[in-house]
Amino acid sequence: MSYPSRSANHLLLMKPKFFLNFLLLGLLSTLSPAAVTVTWGSLDFTQILDSHGAPLDSSYVFQLGVFSSTYTPVVNDIANWSSHWQVFDQADYQTLDASGTTWATFGSEAILNNNGTTSSTAATAAQGFDFRGLNAYLWIHSPDATVLGDQNLLVRASGSTLGSTDWQFPTTVADCCGANLPLQWSVSDLTPTDVPVVGYQKGADPQAPVVGEGKAELPSHTPESFLELAVVPEPCSAVMMLVLGMLAMLDRRRSWIG
């Protein structure tokens, strides 16, 4: 009677273990990688206007990004925003109506990697910049955003009331096991508590336009989903207007005295 050799027995014992390892590797490959998908943009037929109430054209820039953790964007420092701005992703702008000028949408998708960097090829963030835990903003602006007097809308959904989504990148990105649920950020997340830093907004829920800083001419009717850019006057222009106003008052005083 012959018996299997020791080496043959060893192989027989190894095969089930090898099979289990192979099965485990295959299972792990089907689980979510260490990354979070961020889908962002506007609803179809969102009305997006400049400060004069005219539809935007394709020259405008649509970006999702953050400001450095030590910087808070304020209107009187708008000339320095770009130096603190880190772009996570940039979206294409597409008109939807027959005339190609009125109804439009924008949107894109990028991945937040487990080290906090972005997968977007359109991003202009510093190399290795970590987005984790930072507040995300939507910034729509004319091509040269560093020039005062240009068109701007800067807004974010804070999630403070009405069940709004909080536009904040997660602080951790899990390494395995399907823990990374995708993020979906839409203009429709905006509520009346989400006041733009610059510009006007109106989310999908019925509400009056929420007015931030800057000058704009609201149209007579704002649709269900609405964004409008605004202009921040140049300081020299504001000073000039003040000087002209004072001169006008002096002229009036002279006329009264005379």
C-alpha atoms as a PDB file:
ATOM      1  CA  MET A   1       0.000   0.000   0.000  1.00  0.00           C
ATOM      2  CA  SER A   2       1.385   3.341  -1.016  1.00  0.00           C
ATOM      3  CA  TYR A   3       1.023   6.554   0.955  1.00  0.00           C
ATOM      4  CA  PRO A   4       1.266  10.149  -0.245  1.00  0.00           C
ATOM      5  CA  SER A   5       4.643  11.640   0.374  1.00  0.00           C
ATOM      6  CA  ARG A   6       5.154  14.352   2.984  1.00  0.00           C
ATOM      7  CA  SER A   7       5.553  16.957   0.288  1.00  0.00           C
ATOM      8  CA  ALA A   8       2.291  15.845  -1.336  1.00  0.00           C
ATOM      9  CA  ASN A   9       0.468  16.126   2.000  1.00  0.00           C
ATOM     10  CA  HIS A  10       1.941  19.603   2.439  1.00  0.00           C
ATOM     11  CA  LEU A  11       0.599  20.648  -0.954  1.00  0.00           C
ATOM     12  CA  LEU A  12      -2.828  19.246  -0.131  1.00  0.00           C
ATOM     13  CA  LEU A  13      -2.881  21.338   3.054  1.00  0.00           C
ATOM     14  CA  MET A  14      -1.673  24.483   1.264  1.00  0.00           C
ATOM     15  CA  LYS A  15      -4.289  24.448  -1.492  1.00  0.00           C
ATOM     16  CA  PRO A  16      -7.295  25.435   0.680  1.00  0.00           C
ATOM     17  CA  LYS A  17      -5.245  28.189   2.326  1.00  0.00           C
ATOM     18  CA  PHE A  18      -4.109  29.471  -1.041  1.00  0.00           C
ATOM     19  CA  PHE A  19      -7.703  29.425  -2.257  1.00  0.00           C
ATOM     20  CA  LEU A  20      -8.923  31.375   0.788  1.00  0.00           C
ATOM     21  CA  ASN A  21      -6.195  33.988   0.316  1.00  0.00           C
ATOM     22  CA  PHE A  22      -7.081  34.317  -3.340  1.00  0.00           C
ATOM     23  CA  LEU A  23     -10.759  34.699  -2.445  1.00  0.00           C
ATOM     24  CA  LEU A  24      -9.948  37.348   0.180  1.00  0.00           C
ATOM     25  CA  LEU A  25      -7.851  39.353  -2.263  1.00  0.00           C
ATOM     26  CA  GLY A  26     -10.654  39.263  -4.790  1.00  0.00           C
ATOM     27  CA  LEU A  27     -13.145  40.439  -2.178  1.00  0.00           C
ATOM     28  CA  LEU A  28     -10.938  43.313  -1.088  1.00  0.00           C
ATOM     29  CA  SER A  29     -10.523  44.432  -4.679  1.00  0.00           C
ATOM     30  CA  THR A  30     -14.290  44.929  -4.939  1.00  0.00           C
ATOM     31  CA  LEU A  31     -14.476  47.175  -1.876  1.00  0.00           C
ATOM     32  CA  SER A  32     -14.233  50.950  -2.034  1.00  0.00           C
ATOM     33  CA  PRO A  33     -10.678  52.245  -2.372  1.00  0.00           C
ATOM     34  CA  ALA A  34      -9.266  54.797   0.033  1.00  0.00           C
ATOM     35  CA  ALA A  35     -10.938  57.747  -1.669  1.00  0.00           C
ATOM     36  CA  VAL A  36     -14.139  59.810  -1.601  1.00  0.00           C
ATOM     37  CA  THR A  37     -15.935  60.805  -4.803  1.00  0.00           C
ATOM     38  CA  VAL A  38     -17.211  64.405  -4.785  1.00  0.00           C
ATOM     39  CA  THR A  39     -19.925  65.233  -7.328  1.00  0.00           C
ATOM     40  CA  TRP A  40     -20.872  68.909  -7.428  1.00  0.00           C
ATOM     41  CA  GLY A  41     -22.708  71.469  -9.535  1.00  0.00           C
ATOM     42  CA  SER A  42     -26.127  72.959 -10.287  1.00  0.00           C
ATOM     43  CA  LEU A  43     -29.503  71.603 -11.265  1.00  0.00           C
ATOM     44  CA  ASP A  44     -30.520  71.677 -14.903  1.00  0.00           C
ATOM     45  CA  PHE A  45     -32.195  74.980 -15.777  1.00  0.00           C
ATOM     46  CA  THR A  46     -30.559  76.902 -12.963  1.00  0.00           C
ATOM     47  CA  GLN A  47     -30.564  80.563 -13.917  1.00  0.00           C
ATOM     48  CA  ILE A  48     -27.042  81.987 -13.538  1.00  0.00           C
ATOM     49  CA  LEU A  49     -26.719  85.714 -14.176  1.00  0.00           C
ATOM     50  CA  ASP A  50     -24.157  88.482 -14.022  1.00  0.00           C
ATOM     51  CA  SER A  51     -24.673  91.615 -11.930  1.00  0.00           C
ATOM     52  CA  HIS A  52     -26.766  93.210 -14.707  1.00  0.00           C
ATOM     53  CA  GLY A  53     -29.170  90.263 -14.912  1.00  0.00           C
ATOM     54  CA  ALA A  54     -27.680  88.927 -18.148  1.00  0.00           C
ATOM     55  CA  PRO A  55     -26.921  85.195 -18.609  1.00  0.00           C
ATOM     56  CA  LEU A  56     -23.291  84.175 -18.218  1.00  0.00           C
ATOM     57  CA  ASP A  57     -21.250  83.054 -21.189  1.00  0.00           C
ATOM     58  CA  SER A  58     -18.610  80.339 -21.396  1.00  0.00           C
ATOM     59  CA  SER A  59     -15.782  82.685 -20.386  1.00  0.00           C
ATOM     60  CA  TYR A  60     -16.769  82.484 -16.710  1.00  0.00           C
ATOM     61  CA  VAL A  61     -14.928  80.174 -14.306  1.00  0.00           C
ATOM     62  CA  PHE A  62     -16.742  77.674 -12.030  1.00  0.00           C
ATOM     63  CA  GLN A  63     -14.580  76.312  -9.216  1.00  0.00           C
ATOM     64  CA  LEU A  64     -14.963  74.218  -6.068  1.00  0.00           C
ATOM     65  CA  GLY A  65     -12.219  74.845  -3.558  1.00  0.00           C
ATOM     66  CA  VAL A  66     -11.107  76.027  -0.141  1.00  0.00           C
ATOM     67  CA  PHE A  67      -9.215  78.862   1.441  1.00  0.00           C
ATOM     68  CA  SER A  68      -6.164  78.137   3.553  1.00  0.00           C
ATOM     69  CA  SER A  69      -7.075  77.261   7.130  1.00  0.00           C
ATOM     70  CA  THR A  70      -5.620  80.516   8.466  1.00  0.00           C
ATOM     71  CA  TYR A  71      -7.630  82.755   6.108  1.00  0.00           C
ATOM     72  CA  THR A  72     -11.279  83.873   6.107  1.00  0.00           C
ATOM     73  CA  PRO A  73     -12.502  85.523   2.884  1.00  0.00           C
ATOM     74  CA  VAL A  74     -14.001  88.978   3.386  1.00  0.00           C
ATOM     75  CA  VAL A  75     -15.152  91.443   0.755  1.00  0.00           C
ATOM     76  CA  ASN A  76     -12.715  94.232   1.554  1.00  0.00           C
ATOM     77  CA  ASP A  77      -9.817  91.811   0.922  1.00  0.00           C
ATOM     78  CA  ILE A  78     -11.129  90.327  -2.326  1.00  0.00           C
ATOM     79  CA  ALA A  79      -7.966  91.333  -4.195  1.00  0.00           C
ATOM     80  CA  ASN A  80      -6.058  88.775  -2.084  1.00  0.00           C
ATOM     81  CA  TRP A  81      -8.491  85.857  -2.330  1.00  0.00           C
ATOM     82  CA  SER A  82      -6.649  84.173  -5.165  1.00  0.00           C
ATOM     83  CA  SER A  83      -3.413  83.959  -3.175  1.00  0.00           C
ATOM     84  CA  HIS A  84      -5.214  81.926  -0.479  1.00  0.00           C
ATOM     85  CA  TRP A  85      -7.503  79.942  -2.813  1.00  0.00           C
ATOM     86  CA  GLN A  86      -6.898  76.235  -3.499  1.00  0.00           C
ATOM     87  CA  VAL A  87      -8.951  74.727  -6.345  1.00  0.00           C
ATOM     88  CA  PHE A  88     -10.223  71.190  -5.734  1.00  0.00           C
ATOM     89  CA  ASP A  89     -11.972  70.947  -9.113  1.00  0.00           C
ATOM     90  CA  GLN A  90     -13.258  73.085 -11.982  1.00  0.00           C
ATOM     91  CA  ALA A  91     -16.528  72.511 -13.846  1.00  0.00           C
ATOM     92  CA  ASP A  92     -17.654  72.988 -17.409  1.00  0.00           C
ATOM     93  CA  TYR A  93     -20.556  75.353 -18.132  1.00  0.00           C
ATOM     94  CA  GLN A  94     -23.245  74.191 -20.529  1.00  0.00           C
ATOM     95  CA  THR A  95     -26.230  76.080 -21.922  1.00  0.00           C
ATOM     96  CA  LEU A  96     -29.405  74.049 -22.318  1.00  0.00           C
ATOM     97  CA  ASP A  97     -32.025  76.160 -24.096  1.00  0.00           C
ATOM     98  CA  ALA A  98     -32.447  76.631 -27.814  1.00  0.00           C
ATOM     99  CA  SER A  99     -30.996  80.149 -27.829  1.00  0.00           C
ATOM    100  CA  GLY A 100     -27.945  78.967 -25.893  1.00  0.00           C
ATOM    101  CA  THR A 101     -27.994  81.974 -23.593  1.00  0.00           C
ATOM    102  CA  THR A 102     -30.543  81.665 -20.767  1.00  0.00           C
ATOM    103  CA  TRP A 103     -30.809  78.263 -19.049  1.00  0.00           C
ATOM    104  CA  ALA A 104     -27.589  76.565 -18.116  1.00  0.00           C
ATOM    105  CA  THR A 105     -25.904  74.099 -15.807  1.00  0.00           C
ATOM    106  CA  PHE A 106     -22.433  73.326 -14.518  1.00  0.00           C
ATOM    107  CA  GLY A 107     -21.006  70.305 -12.796  1.00  0.00           C
ATOM    108  CA  SER A 108     -18.044  68.012 -12.350  1.00  0.00           C
ATOM    109  CA  GLU A 109     -16.699  65.121 -10.304  1.00  0.00           C
ATOM    110  CA  ALA A 110     -13.361  64.571  -8.584  1.00  0.00           C
ATOM    111  CA  ILE A 111     -11.864  62.239  -5.996  1.00  0.00           C
ATOM    112  CA  LEU A 112     -10.554  63.156  -2.560  1.00  0.00           C
ATOM    113  CA  ASN A 113      -7.659  60.762  -1.984  1.00  0.00           C
ATOM    114  CA  ASN A 114      -6.860  59.275   1.425  1.00  0.00           C
ATOM    115  CA  ASN A 115      -3.979  61.750   1.854  1.00  0.00           C
ATOM    116  CA  GLY A 116      -6.343  64.682   1.267  1.00  0.00           C
ATOM    117  CA  THR A 117      -5.207  65.524  -2.264  1.00  0.00           C
ATOM    118  CA  THR A 118      -7.474  65.818  -5.288  1.00  0.00           C
ATOM    119  CA  SER A 119      -7.584  63.694  -8.438  1.00  0.00           C
ATOM    120  CA  SER A 120      -8.810  66.556 -10.620  1.00  0.00           C
ATOM    121  CA  THR A 121      -6.636  67.499 -13.582  1.00  0.00           C
ATOM    122  CA  ALA A 122      -8.304  70.930 -13.512  1.00  0.00           C
ATOM    123  CA  ALA A 123      -7.215  71.622  -9.930  1.00  0.00           C
ATOM    124  CA  THR A 124      -4.712  74.368  -9.250  1.00  0.00           C
ATOM    125  CA  ALA A 125      -4.042  73.479  -5.615  1.00  0.00           C
ATOM    126  CA  ALA A 126      -0.481  73.477  -4.371  1.00  0.00           C
ATOM    127  CA  GLN A 127       1.269  70.135  -4.794  1.00  0.00           C
ATOM    128  CA  GLY A 128       0.237  67.796  -1.996  1.00  0.00           C
ATOM    129  CA  PHE A 129      -2.315  70.264  -0.587  1.00  0.00           C
ATOM    130  CA  ASP A 130      -4.550  68.568   2.010  1.00  0.00           C
ATOM    131  CA  PHE A 131      -8.274  69.419   1.664  1.00  0.00           C
ATOM    132  CA  ARG A 132      -9.427  67.264   4.576  1.00  0.00           C
ATOM    133  CA  GLY A 133     -11.547  69.045   7.188  1.00  0.00           C
ATOM    134  CA  LEU A 134     -11.707  72.353   5.298  1.00  0.00           C
ATOM    135  CA  ASN A 135     -14.876  74.222   4.256  1.00  0.00           C
ATOM    136  CA  ALA A 136     -15.667  73.960   0.558  1.00  0.00           C
ATOM    137  CA  TYR A 137     -16.823  77.039  -1.394  1.00  0.00           C
ATOM    138  CA  LEU A 138     -18.343  77.536  -4.820  1.00  0.00           C
ATOM    139  CA  TRP A 139     -16.600  80.449  -6.546  1.00  0.00           C
ATOM    140  CA  ILE A 140     -17.950  81.672  -9.877  1.00  0.00           C
ATOM    141  CA  HIS A 141     -16.080  84.593 -11.357  1.00  0.00           C
ATOM    142  CA  SER A 142     -15.099  86.377 -14.516  1.00  0.00           C
ATOM    143  CA  PRO A 143     -11.735  85.321 -15.970  1.00  0.00           C
ATOM    144  CA  ASP A 144      -9.547  87.767 -14.025  1.00  0.00           C
ATOM    145  CA  ALA A 145     -10.825  87.321 -10.468  1.00  0.00           C
ATOM    146  CA  THR A 146      -7.987  89.370  -8.960  1.00  0.00           C
ATOM    147  CA  VAL A 147      -9.316  92.616 -10.460  1.00  0.00           C
ATOM    148  CA  LEU A 148     -11.655  94.573  -8.219  1.00  0.00           C
ATOM    149  CA  GLY A 149     -14.859  95.488 -10.010  1.00  0.00           C
ATOM    150  CA  ASP A 150     -15.128  92.100 -11.722  1.00  0.00           C
ATOM    151  CA  GLN A 151     -18.066  89.717 -11.378  1.00  0.00           C
ATOM    152  CA  ASN A 152     -18.017  87.274  -8.421  1.00  0.00           C
ATOM    153  CA  LEU A 153     -20.197  84.839  -6.503  1.00  0.00           C
ATOM    154  CA  LEU A 154     -18.690  83.126  -3.453  1.00  0.00           C
ATOM    155  CA  VAL A 155     -21.009  80.903  -1.403  1.00  0.00           C
ATOM    156  CA  ARG A 156     -21.149  77.668   0.575  1.00  0.00           C
ATOM    157  CA  ALA A 157     -23.871  75.540   2.190  1.00  0.00           C
ATOM    158  CA  SER A 158     -23.246  75.507   5.925  1.00  0.00           C
ATOM    159  CA  GLY A 159     -25.782  72.847   6.888  1.00  0.00           C
ATOM    160  CA  SER A 160     -26.952  74.901   9.849  1.00  0.00           C
ATOM    161  CA  THR A 161     -30.725  74.528   9.325  1.00  0.00           C
ATOM    162  CA  LEU A 162     -33.385  72.887   7.176  1.00  0.00           C
ATOM    163  CA  GLY A 163     -31.314  69.756   6.659  1.00  0.00           C
ATOM    164  CA  SER A 164     -28.911  71.450   4.282  1.00  0.00           C
ATOM    165  CA  THR A 165     -25.779  69.558   3.293  1.00  0.00           C
ATOM    166  CA  ASP A 166     -22.611  70.889   4.906  1.00  0.00           C
ATOM    167  CA  TRP A 167     -20.015  71.572   2.235  1.00  0.00           C
ATOM    168  CA  GLN A 168     -17.005  70.392   4.202  1.00  0.00           C
ATOM    169  CA  PHE A 169     -14.411  67.869   3.135  1.00  0.00           C
ATOM    170  CA  PRO A 170     -14.260  64.894   5.523  1.00  0.00           C
ATOM    171  CA  THR A 171     -11.483  64.898   8.091  1.00  0.00           C
ATOM    172  CA  THR A 172     -10.625  61.238   7.427  1.00  0.00           C
ATOM    173  CA  VAL A 173     -10.745  58.981   4.390  1.00  0.00           C
ATOM    174  CA  ALA A 174     -10.978  55.323   5.435  1.00  0.00           C
ATOM    175  CA  ASP A 175      -8.583  52.780   3.955  1.00  0.00           C
ATOM    176  CA  CYS A 176     -11.064  50.030   3.212  1.00  0.00           C
ATOM    177  CA  CYS A 177     -14.324  48.300   3.703  1.00  0.00           C
ATOM    178  CA  GLY A 178     -16.712  50.574   1.823  1.00  0.00           C
ATOM    179  CA  ALA A 179     -16.644  53.299   4.470  1.00  0.00           C
ATOM    180  CA  ASN A 180     -16.238  56.187   2.019  1.00  0.00           C
ATOM    181  CA  LEU A 181     -19.674  57.303   0.887  1.00  0.00           C
ATOM    182  CA  PRO A 182     -19.723  59.702  -2.089  1.00  0.00           C
ATOM    183  CA  LEU A 183     -20.475  63.389  -1.503  1.00  0.00           C
ATOM    184  CA  GLN A 184     -23.053  65.150  -3.657  1.00  0.00           C
ATOM    185  CA  TRP A 185     -23.055  68.942  -3.379  1.00  0.00           C
ATOM    186  CA  SER A 186     -25.625  70.915  -5.349  1.00  0.00           C
ATOM    187  CA  VAL A 187     -26.789  74.504  -5.563  1.00  0.00           C
ATOM    188  CA  SER A 188     -30.092  73.097  -4.295  1.00  0.00           C
ATOM    189  CA  ASP A 189     -28.403  72.537  -0.888  1.00  0.00           C
ATOM    190  CA  LEU A 190     -28.357  76.300  -0.299  1.00  0.00           C
ATOM    191  CA  THR A 191     -30.915  77.662   2.183  1.00  0.00           C
ATOM    192  CA  PRO A 192     -31.880  81.161   3.395  1.00  0.00           C
ATOM    193  CA  THR A 193     -29.248  80.860   6.138  1.00  0.00           C
ATOM    194  CA  ASP A 194     -26.458  80.478   3.557  1.00  0.00           C
ATOM    195  CA  VAL A 195     -25.582  84.103   2.848  1.00  0.00           C
ATOM    196  CA  PRO A 196     -23.023  84.512   0.039  1.00  0.00           C
ATOM    197  CA  VAL A 197     -19.817  86.346   0.833  1.00  0.00           C
ATOM    198  CA  VAL A 198     -20.385  88.065  -2.522  1.00  0.00           C
ATOM    199  CA  GLY A 199     -23.407  87.735  -4.791  1.00  0.00           C
ATOM    200  CA  TYR A 200     -26.995  86.483  -4.530  1.00  0.00           C
ATOM    201  CA  GLN A 201     -28.358  82.951  -4.277  1.00  0.00           C
ATOM    202  CA  LYS A 202     -31.667  81.104  -4.206  1.00  0.00           C
ATOM    203  CA  GLY A 203     -31.715  77.335  -3.749  1.00  0.00           C
ATOM    204  CA  ALA A 204     -34.326  74.954  -5.103  1.00  0.00           C
ATOM    205  CA  ASP A 205     -36.668  75.456  -2.128  1.00  0.00           C
ATOM    206  CA  PRO A 206     -39.048  78.429  -2.466  1.00  0.00           C
ATOM    207  CA  GLN A 207     -37.361  81.448  -0.917  1.00  0.00           C
ATOM    208  CA  ALA A 208     -36.503  85.018  -1.695  1.00  0.00           C
ATOM    209  CA  PRO A 209     -33.011  85.592  -3.095  1.00  0.00           C
ATOM    210  CA  VAL A 210     -30.411  85.686  -0.328  1.00  0.00           C
ATOM    211  CA  VAL A 211     -28.276  88.775  -0.781  1.00  0.00           C
ATOM    212  CA  GLY A 212     -24.590  88.922   0.064  1.00  0.00           C
ATOM    213  CA  GLU A 213     -22.138  91.763  -0.445  1.00  0.00           C
ATOM    214  CA  GLY A 214     -21.585  93.526  -3.747  1.00  0.00           C
ATOM    215  CA  LYS A 215     -23.799  95.386  -6.199  1.00  0.00           C
ATOM    216  CA  ALA A 216     -26.220  93.683  -8.589  1.00  0.00           C
ATOM    217  CA  GLU A 217     -29.521  94.350 -10.344  1.00  0.00           C
ATOM    218  CA  LEU A 218     -32.017  91.663  -9.391  1.00  0.00           C
ATOM    219  CA  PRO A 219     -34.359  90.623 -12.199  1.00  0.00           C
ATOM    220  CA  SER A 220     -38.095  91.160 -11.680  1.00  0.00           C
ATOM    221  CA  HIS A 221     -38.645  87.404 -11.352  1.00  0.00           C
ATOM    222  CA  THR A 222     -36.200  84.875  -9.964  1.00  0.00           C
ATOM    223  CA  PRO A 223     -36.770  81.216 -10.859  1.00  0.00           C
ATOM    224  CA  GLU A 224     -36.747  78.238  -8.516  1.00  0.00           C
ATOM    225  CA  SER A 225     -32.983  77.823  -8.736  1.00  0.00           C
ATOM    226  CA  PHE A 226     -31.056  81.042  -9.104  1.00  0.00           C
ATOM    227  CA  LEU A 227     -27.532  82.447  -8.786  1.00  0.00           C
ATOM    228  CA  GLU A 228     -26.393  85.988  -9.502  1.00  0.00           C
ATOM    229  CA  LEU A 229     -22.905  87.415  -9.443  1.00  0.00           C
ATOM    230  CA  ALA A 230     -22.161  90.838  -7.988  1.00  0.00           C
ATOM    231  CA  VAL A 231     -19.544  93.534  -8.398  1.00  0.00           C
ATOM    232  CA  VAL A 232     -17.356  94.730  -5.537  1.00  0.00           C
ATOM    233  CA  PRO A 233     -16.438  98.359  -6.310  1.00  0.00           C
ATOM    234  CA  GLU A 234     -12.793  99.300  -6.413  1.00  0.00           C
ATOM    235  CA  PRO A 235     -11.734 101.241  -3.295  1.00  0.00           C
ATOM    236  CA  CYS A 236     -10.559 104.173  -5.373  1.00  0.00           C
ATOM    237  CA  SER A 237     -13.989 104.372  -6.984  1.00  0.00           C
ATOM    238  CA  ALA A 238     -15.674 104.396  -3.592  1.00  0.00           C
ATOM    239  CA  VAL A 239     -13.307 107.116  -2.352  1.00  0.00           C
ATOM    240  CA  MET A 240     -13.918 109.132  -5.513  1.00  0.00           C
ATOM    241  CA  MET A 241     -17.679 108.898  -5.008  1.00  0.00           C
ATOM    242  CA  LEU A 242     -17.234 110.076  -1.406  1.00  0.00           C
ATOM    243  CA  VAL A 243     -15.080 113.016  -2.515  1.00  0.00           C
ATOM    244  CA  LEU A 244     -17.554 113.982  -5.230  1.00  0.00           C
ATOM    245  CA  GLY A 245     -20.380 113.780  -2.704  1.00  0.00           C
ATOM    246  CA  MET A 246     -18.520 116.064  -0.283  1.00  0.00           C
ATOM    247  CA  LEU A 247     -17.779 118.538  -3.062  1.00  0.00           C
ATOM    248  CA  ALA A 248     -21.449 118.562  -4.031  1.00  0.00           C
ATOM    249  CA  MET A 249     -22.422 119.298  -0.423  1.00  0.00           C
ATOM    250  CA  LEU A 250     -19.913 122.159  -0.255  1.00  0.00           C
ATOM    251  CA  ASP A 251     -21.291 123.629  -3.465  1.00  0.00           C
ATOM    252  CA  ARG A 252     -24.785 123.487  -2.018  1.00  0.00           C
ATOM    253  CA  ARG A 253     -23.620 125.222   1.193  1.00  0.00           C
ATOM    254  CA  ARG A 254     -21.983 127.948  -0.856  1.00  0.00           C
ATOM    255  CA  SER A 255     -25.157 128.437  -2.826  1.00  0.00           C
ATOM    256  CA  TRP A 256     -27.171 128.717   0.388  1.00  0.00           C
ATOM    257  CA  ILE A 257     -24.708 131.194   1.897  1.00  0.00           C
ATOM    258  CA  GLY A 258     -24.408 133.233  -1.273  1.00  0.00           C
END
